[in-house]
């Protein structure tokens, strides 16, 4: 016997498929894992240092901010 919840899920999935969509599975980092926060901070510091060292990027961002302030 199929539960009412399973019937609703099956109906919803049928509607989504009829709309041209398909289910996919996405794997994401487990933010609850020990060490996750420390690794995220480490990678953020590396990215920030890299951005600061990239003069072309800084000029590009400055130009973008200047364009936004002209509007």
PDB file of N, CA and C in Angstrom:
ATOM      1  N   UNK A   1       0.846  -1.188   0.000  1.00  0.00           N
ATOM      2  CA  UNK A   1       0.000   0.000   0.000  1.00  0.00           C
ATOM      3  C   UNK A   1       0.889   1.248   0.000  1.00  0.00           C
ATOM      4  N   UNK A   2       0.571   2.194  -0.846  1.00  0.00           N
ATOM      5  CA  UNK A   2       1.355   3.416  -0.965  1.00  0.00           C
ATOM      6  C   UNK A   2       0.806   4.473  -0.011  1.00  0.00           C
ATOM      7  N   UNK A   3       1.704   5.131   0.697  1.00  0.00           N
ATOM      8  CA  UNK A   3       1.279   6.163   1.647  1.00  0.00           C
ATOM      9  C   UNK A   3       0.816   7.415   0.903  1.00  0.00           C
ATOM     10  N   UNK A   4      -0.026   8.224   1.544  1.00  0.00           N
ATOM     11  CA  UNK A   4      -0.470   9.475   0.912  1.00  0.00           C
ATOM     12  C   UNK A   4       0.705  10.397   0.567  1.00  0.00           C
ATOM     13  N   UNK A   5       1.721  10.418   1.412  1.00  0.00           N
ATOM     14  CA  UNK A   5       2.896  11.263   1.141  1.00  0.00           C
ATOM     15  C   UNK A   5       3.609  10.792  -0.116  1.00  0.00           C
ATOM     16  N   UNK A   6       3.767   9.479  -0.270  1.00  0.00           N
ATOM     17  CA  UNK A   6       4.437   8.935  -1.458  1.00  0.00           C
ATOM     18  C   UNK A   6       3.644   9.254  -2.718  1.00  0.00           C
ATOM     19  N   UNK A   7       2.314   9.216  -2.614  1.00  0.00           N
ATOM     20  CA  UNK A   7       1.466   9.560  -3.767  1.00  0.00           C
ATOM     21  C   UNK A   7       1.651  11.028  -4.152  1.00  0.00           C
ATOM     22  N   UNK A   8       1.717  11.914  -3.145  1.00  0.00           N
ATOM     23  CA  UNK A   8       1.924  13.347  -3.423  1.00  0.00           C
ATOM     24  C   UNK A   8       3.278  13.582  -4.090  1.00  0.00           C
ATOM     25  N   UNK A   9       4.292  12.905  -3.601  1.00  0.00           N
ATOM     26  CA  UNK A   9       5.639  13.048  -4.174  1.00  0.00           C
ATOM     27  C   UNK A   9       5.640  12.563  -5.618  1.00  0.00           C
ATOM     28  N   UNK A  10       5.025  11.407  -5.869  1.00  0.00           N
ATOM     29  CA  UNK A  10       4.978  10.858  -7.221  1.00  0.00           C
ATOM     30  C   UNK A  10       4.232  11.820  -8.162  1.00  0.00           C
ATOM     31  N   UNK A  11       3.120  12.387  -7.676  1.00  0.00           N
ATOM     32  CA  UNK A  11       2.345  13.338  -8.487  1.00  0.00           C
ATOM     33  C   UNK A  11       3.170  14.591  -8.786  1.00  0.00           C
ATOM     34  N   UNK A  12       3.835  15.111  -7.778  1.00  0.00           N
ATOM     35  CA  UNK A  12       4.648  16.322  -7.950  1.00  0.00           C
ATOM     36  C   UNK A  12       5.778  16.075  -8.941  1.00  0.00           C
ATOM     37  N   UNK A  13       6.435  14.933  -8.832  1.00  0.00           N
ATOM     38  CA  UNK A  13       7.520  14.598  -9.756  1.00  0.00           C
ATOM     39  C   UNK A  13       7.000  14.445 -11.176  1.00  0.00           C
ATOM     40  N   UNK A  14       5.812  13.889 -11.336  1.00  0.00           N
ATOM     41  CA  UNK A  14       5.222  13.747 -12.669  1.00  0.00           C
ATOM     42  C   UNK A  14       4.957  15.122 -13.285  1.00  0.00           C
ATOM     43  N   UNK A  15       4.485  16.055 -12.472  1.00  0.00           N
ATOM     44  CA  UNK A  15       4.242  17.425 -12.955  1.00  0.00           C
ATOM     45  C   UNK A  15       5.557  18.072 -13.380  1.00  0.00           C
ATOM     46  N   UNK A  16       6.594  17.905 -12.587  1.00  0.00           N
ATOM     47  CA  UNK A  16       7.893  18.492 -12.913  1.00  0.00           C
ATOM     48  C   UNK A  16       8.466  17.871 -14.192  1.00  0.00           C
ATOM     49  N   UNK A  17       8.336  16.563 -14.335  1.00  0.00           N
ATOM     50  CA  UNK A  17       8.824  15.907 -15.560  1.00  0.00           C
ATOM     51  C   UNK A  17       8.049  16.388 -16.773  1.00  0.00           C
ATOM     52  N   UNK A  18       6.736  16.558 -16.611  1.00  0.00           N
ATOM     53  CA  UNK A  18       5.906  17.055 -17.707  1.00  0.00           C
ATOM     54  C   UNK A  18       6.309  18.474 -18.107  1.00  0.00           C
ATOM     55  N   UNK A  19       6.880  19.212 -17.166  1.00  0.00           N
ATOM     56  CA  UNK A  19       7.348  20.571 -17.441  1.00  0.00           C
ATOM     57  C   UNK A  19       8.744  20.570 -18.063  1.00  0.00           C
ATOM     58  N   UNK A  20       9.287  19.378 -18.326  1.00  0.00           N
ATOM     59  CA  UNK A  20      10.594  19.289 -18.974  1.00  0.00           C
ATOM     60  C   UNK A  20      11.762  19.233 -18.013  1.00  0.00           C
ATOM     61  N   UNK A  21      11.494  19.009 -16.744  1.00  0.00           N
ATOM     62  CA  UNK A  21      12.573  18.944 -15.753  1.00  0.00           C
ATOM     63  C   UNK A  21      12.894  17.488 -15.443  1.00  0.00           C
ATOM     64  N   UNK A  22      14.082  17.283 -14.901  1.00  0.00           N
ATOM     65  CA  UNK A  22      14.470  15.941 -14.488  1.00  0.00           C
ATOM     66  C   UNK A  22      15.198  16.024 -13.161  1.00  0.00           C
ATOM     67  N   UNK A  23      15.087  14.985 -12.344  1.00  0.00           N
ATOM     68  CA  UNK A  23      15.769  15.023 -11.044  1.00  0.00           C
ATOM     69  C   UNK A  23      17.265  14.786 -11.215  1.00  0.00           C
ATOM     70  N   UNK A  24      18.032  15.460 -10.394  1.00  0.00           N
ATOM     71  CA  UNK A  24      19.476  15.242 -10.355  1.00  0.00           C
ATOM     72  C   UNK A  24      19.896  15.170  -8.893  1.00  0.00           C
ATOM     73  N   UNK A  25      21.054  14.615  -8.652  1.00  0.00           N
ATOM     74  CA  UNK A  25      21.590  14.539  -7.300  1.00  0.00           C
ATOM     75  C   UNK A  25      22.789  15.467  -7.218  1.00  0.00           C
ATOM     76  N   UNK A  26      22.824  16.287  -6.188  1.00  0.00           N
ATOM     77  CA  UNK A  26      23.921  17.231  -5.991  1.00  0.00           C
ATOM     78  C   UNK A  26      24.600  16.919  -4.665  1.00  0.00           C
ATOM     79  N   UNK A  27      25.909  16.790  -4.711  1.00  0.00           N
ATOM     80  CA  UNK A  27      26.691  16.576  -3.497  1.00  0.00           C
ATOM     81  C   UNK A  27      27.278  17.909  -3.064  1.00  0.00           C
ATOM     82  N   UNK A  28      27.114  18.218  -1.810  1.00  0.00           N
ATOM     83  CA  UNK A  28      27.617  19.474  -1.264  1.00  0.00           C
ATOM     84  C   UNK A  28      28.497  19.170  -0.045  1.00  0.00           C
ATOM     85  N   UNK A  29      29.413  20.089   0.276  1.00  0.00           N
ATOM     86  CA  UNK A  29      30.253  19.875   1.455  1.00  0.00           C
ATOM     87  C   UNK A  29      29.396  19.750   2.719  1.00  0.00           C
ATOM     88  N   UNK A  30      29.822  18.895   3.622  1.00  0.00           N
ATOM     89  CA  UNK A  30      29.140  18.728   4.902  1.00  0.00           C
ATOM     90  C   UNK A  30      29.676  19.779   5.859  1.00  0.00           C
ATOM     91  N   UNK A  31      28.901  20.822   6.062  1.00  0.00           N
ATOM     92  CA  UNK A  31      29.338  21.935   6.907  1.00  0.00           C
ATOM     93  C   UNK A  31      29.407  21.554   8.381  1.00  0.00           C
ATOM     94  N   UNK A  32      28.864  20.389   8.730  1.00  0.00           N
ATOM     95  CA  UNK A  32      28.911  19.935  10.134  1.00  0.00           C
ATOM     96  C   UNK A  32      30.164  19.125  10.429  1.00  0.00           C
ATOM     97  N   UNK A  33      30.919  18.809   9.416  1.00  0.00           N
ATOM     98  CA  UNK A  33      32.110  17.965   9.571  1.00  0.00           C
ATOM     99  C   UNK A  33      33.189  18.711  10.371  1.00  0.00           C
ATOM    100  N   UNK A  34      33.834  18.011  11.288  1.00  0.00           N
ATOM    101  CA  UNK A  34      34.928  18.653  12.037  1.00  0.00           C
ATOM    102  C   UNK A  34      36.003  19.165  11.067  1.00  0.00           C
ATOM    103  N   UNK A  35      36.448  20.370  11.299  1.00  0.00           N
ATOM    104  CA  UNK A  35      37.491  20.947  10.465  1.00  0.00           C
ATOM    105  C   UNK A  35      36.970  21.728   9.278  1.00  0.00           C
ATOM    106  N   UNK A  36      35.649  21.652   9.011  1.00  0.00           N
ATOM    107  CA  UNK A  36      35.105  22.353   7.856  1.00  0.00           C
ATOM    108  C   UNK A  36      35.318  23.863   7.965  1.00  0.00           C
ATOM    109  N   UNK A  37      34.966  24.440   9.102  1.00  0.00           N
ATOM    110  CA  UNK A  37      35.063  25.897   9.274  1.00  0.00           C
ATOM    111  C   UNK A  37      36.503  26.369   9.120  1.00  0.00           C
ATOM    112  N   UNK A  38      37.434  25.624   9.690  1.00  0.00           N
ATOM    113  CA  UNK A  38      38.838  26.018   9.593  1.00  0.00           C
ATOM    114  C   UNK A  38      39.312  25.977   8.139  1.00  0.00           C
ATOM    115  N   UNK A  39      38.919  24.933   7.410  1.00  0.00           N
ATOM    116  CA  UNK A  39      39.316  24.823   6.002  1.00  0.00           C
ATOM    117  C   UNK A  39      38.669  25.924   5.165  1.00  0.00           C
ATOM    118  N   UNK A  40      37.430  26.261   5.460  1.00  0.00           N
ATOM    119  CA  UNK A  40      36.752  27.342   4.744  1.00  0.00           C
ATOM    120  C   UNK A  40      37.468  28.677   4.986  1.00  0.00           C
ATOM    121  N   UNK A  41      37.860  28.920   6.226  1.00  0.00           N
ATOM    122  CA  UNK A  41      38.598  30.157   6.532  1.00  0.00           C
ATOM    123  C   UNK A  41      39.940  30.180   5.815  1.00  0.00           C
ATOM    124  N   UNK A  42      40.631  29.044   5.799  1.00  0.00           N
ATOM    125  CA  UNK A  42      41.930  28.964   5.116  1.00  0.00           C
ATOM    126  C   UNK A  42      41.781  29.281   3.630  1.00  0.00           C
ATOM    127  N   UNK A  43      40.797  28.677   3.000  1.00  0.00           N
ATOM    128  CA  UNK A  43      40.589  28.915   1.576  1.00  0.00           C
ATOM    129  C   UNK A  43      40.142  30.348   1.303  1.00  0.00           C
ATOM    130  N   UNK A  44      39.338  30.906   2.201  1.00  0.00           N
ATOM    131  CA  UNK A  44      38.900  32.300   2.043  1.00  0.00           C
ATOM    132  C   UNK A  44      40.076  33.263   2.129  1.00  0.00           C
ATOM    133  N   UNK A  45      40.989  32.997   3.078  1.00  0.00           N
ATOM    134  CA  UNK A  45      42.180  33.857   3.199  1.00  0.00           C
ATOM    135  C   UNK A  45      43.040  33.774   1.939  1.00  0.00           C
ATOM    136  N   UNK A  46      43.201  32.557   1.402  1.00  0.00           N
ATOM    137  CA  UNK A  46      43.980  32.399   0.167  1.00  0.00           C
ATOM    138  C   UNK A  46      43.342  33.151  -0.990  1.00  0.00           C
ATOM    139  N   UNK A  47      42.022  33.042  -1.114  1.00  0.00           N
ATOM    140  CA  UNK A  47      41.319  33.727  -2.202  1.00  0.00           C
ATOM    141  C   UNK A  47      41.433  35.240  -2.046  1.00  0.00           C
ATOM    142  N   UNK A  48      41.280  35.738  -0.823  1.00  0.00           N
ATOM    143  CA  UNK A  48      41.375  37.181  -0.583  1.00  0.00           C
ATOM    144  C   UNK A  48      42.779  37.691  -0.888  1.00  0.00           C
ATOM    145  N   UNK A  49      43.790  36.953  -0.474  1.00  0.00           N
ATOM    146  CA  UNK A  49      45.169  37.369  -0.745  1.00  0.00           C
ATOM    147  C   UNK A  49      45.451  37.364  -2.237  1.00  0.00           C
ATOM    148  N   UNK A  50      44.926  36.378  -2.925  1.00  0.00           N
ATOM    149  CA  UNK A  50      45.113  36.300  -4.375  1.00  0.00           C
ATOM    150  C   UNK A  50      44.437  37.483  -5.067  1.00  0.00           C
ATOM    151  N   UNK A  51      43.227  37.814  -4.626  1.00  0.00           N
ATOM    152  CA  UNK A  51      42.514  38.952  -5.220  1.00  0.00           C
ATOM    153  C   UNK A  51      43.270  40.256  -5.001  1.00  0.00           C
ATOM    154  N   UNK A  52      43.806  40.440  -3.806  1.00  0.00           N
ATOM    155  CA  UNK A  52      44.533  41.674  -3.509  1.00  0.00           C
ATOM    156  C   UNK A  52      45.815  41.790  -4.330  1.00  0.00           C
ATOM    157  N   UNK A  53      46.388  40.666  -4.697  1.00  0.00           N
ATOM    158  CA  UNK A  53      47.630  40.672  -5.467  1.00  0.00           C
ATOM    159  C   UNK A  53      47.380  40.844  -6.967  1.00  0.00           C
ATOM    160  N   UNK A  54      46.127  40.770  -7.391  1.00  0.00           N
ATOM    161  CA  UNK A  54      45.788  40.844  -8.817  1.00  0.00           C
ATOM    162  C   UNK A  54      45.367  42.271  -9.180  1.00  0.00           C
ATOM    163  N   UNK A  55      46.305  43.056  -9.666  1.00  0.00           N
ATOM    164  CA  UNK A  55      46.036  44.457  -9.978  1.00  0.00           C
ATOM    165  C   UNK A  55      44.963  44.607 -11.055  1.00  0.00           C
ATOM    166  N   UNK A  56      44.982  43.736 -12.059  1.00  0.00           N
ATOM    167  CA  UNK A  56      43.954  43.801 -13.110  1.00  0.00           C
ATOM    168  C   UNK A  56      42.559  43.612 -12.530  1.00  0.00           C
ATOM    169  N   UNK A  57      42.422  42.683 -11.601  1.00  0.00           N
ATOM    170  CA  UNK A  57      41.125  42.450 -10.972  1.00  0.00           C
ATOM    171  C   UNK A  57      40.691  43.674 -10.183  1.00  0.00           C
ATOM    172  N   UNK A  58      41.614  44.260  -9.421  1.00  0.00           N
ATOM    173  CA  UNK A  58      41.272  45.447  -8.634  1.00  0.00           C
ATOM    174  C   UNK A  58      40.815  46.589  -9.526  1.00  0.00           C
ATOM    175  N   UNK A  59      41.497  46.793 -10.645  1.00  0.00           N
ATOM    176  CA  UNK A  59      41.098  47.852 -11.586  1.00  0.00           C
ATOM    177  C   UNK A  59      39.735  47.549 -12.199  1.00  0.00           C
ATOM    178  N   UNK A  60      39.487  46.283 -12.527  1.00  0.00           N
ATOM    179  CA  UNK A  60      38.201  45.871 -13.080  1.00  0.00           C
ATOM    180  C   UNK A  60      37.069  46.139 -12.088  1.00  0.00           C
ATOM    181  N   UNK A  61      37.290  45.778 -10.822  1.00  0.00           N
ATOM    182  CA  UNK A  61      36.277  46.006  -9.796  1.00  0.00           C
ATOM    183  C   UNK A  61      36.049  47.499  -9.568  1.00  0.00           C
ATOM    184  N   UNK A  62      37.122  48.272  -9.533  1.00  0.00           N
ATOM    185  CA  UNK A  62      36.991  49.721  -9.371  1.00  0.00           C
ATOM    186  C   UNK A  62      36.180  50.324 -10.511  1.00  0.00           C
ATOM    187  N   UNK A  63      36.434  49.870 -11.736  1.00  0.00           N
ATOM    188  CA  UNK A  63      35.691  50.372 -12.893  1.00  0.00           C
ATOM    189  C   UNK A  63      34.214  49.998 -12.771  1.00  0.00           C
ATOM    190  N   UNK A  64      33.938  48.816 -12.297  1.00  0.00           N
ATOM    191  CA  UNK A  64      32.550  48.399 -12.124  1.00  0.00           C
ATOM    192  C   UNK A  64      31.834  49.241 -11.096  1.00  0.00           C
ATOM    193  N   UNK A  65      32.492  49.536  -9.994  1.00  0.00           N
ATOM    194  CA  UNK A  65      31.892  50.383  -8.958  1.00  0.00           C
ATOM    195  C   UNK A  65      31.677  51.791  -9.506  1.00  0.00           C
ATOM    196  N   UNK A  66      32.632  52.293 -10.285  1.00  0.00           N
ATOM    197  CA  UNK A  66      32.478  53.633 -10.867  1.00  0.00           C
ATOM    198  C   UNK A  66      31.296  53.678 -11.832  1.00  0.00           C
ATOM    199  N   UNK A  67      31.113  52.611 -12.618  1.00  0.00           N
ATOM    200  CA  UNK A  67      29.964  52.552 -13.541  1.00  0.00           C
ATOM    201  C   UNK A  67      28.646  52.559 -12.771  1.00  0.00           C
ATOM    202  N   UNK A  68      28.599  51.852 -11.654  1.00  0.00           N
ATOM    203  CA  UNK A  68      27.370  51.796 -10.870  1.00  0.00           C
ATOM    204  C   UNK A  68      27.057  53.133 -10.228  1.00  0.00           C
ATOM    205  N   UNK A  69      28.061  53.876  -9.836  1.00  0.00           N
ATOM    206  CA  UNK A  69      27.815  55.150  -9.164  1.00  0.00           C
ATOM    207  C   UNK A  69      27.415  56.246 -10.148  1.00  0.00           C
ATOM    208  N   UNK A  70      27.654  56.024 -11.447  1.00  0.00           N
ATOM    209  CA  UNK A  70      27.276  57.009 -12.460  1.00  0.00           C
ATOM    210  C   UNK A  70      25.796  56.949 -12.783  1.00  0.00           C
ATOM    211  N   UNK A  71      25.137  55.841 -12.461  1.00  0.00           N
ATOM    212  CA  UNK A  71      23.718  55.678 -12.805  1.00  0.00           C
ATOM    213  C   UNK A  71      22.828  56.381 -11.835  1.00  0.00           C
TER     214      UNK A  71
END
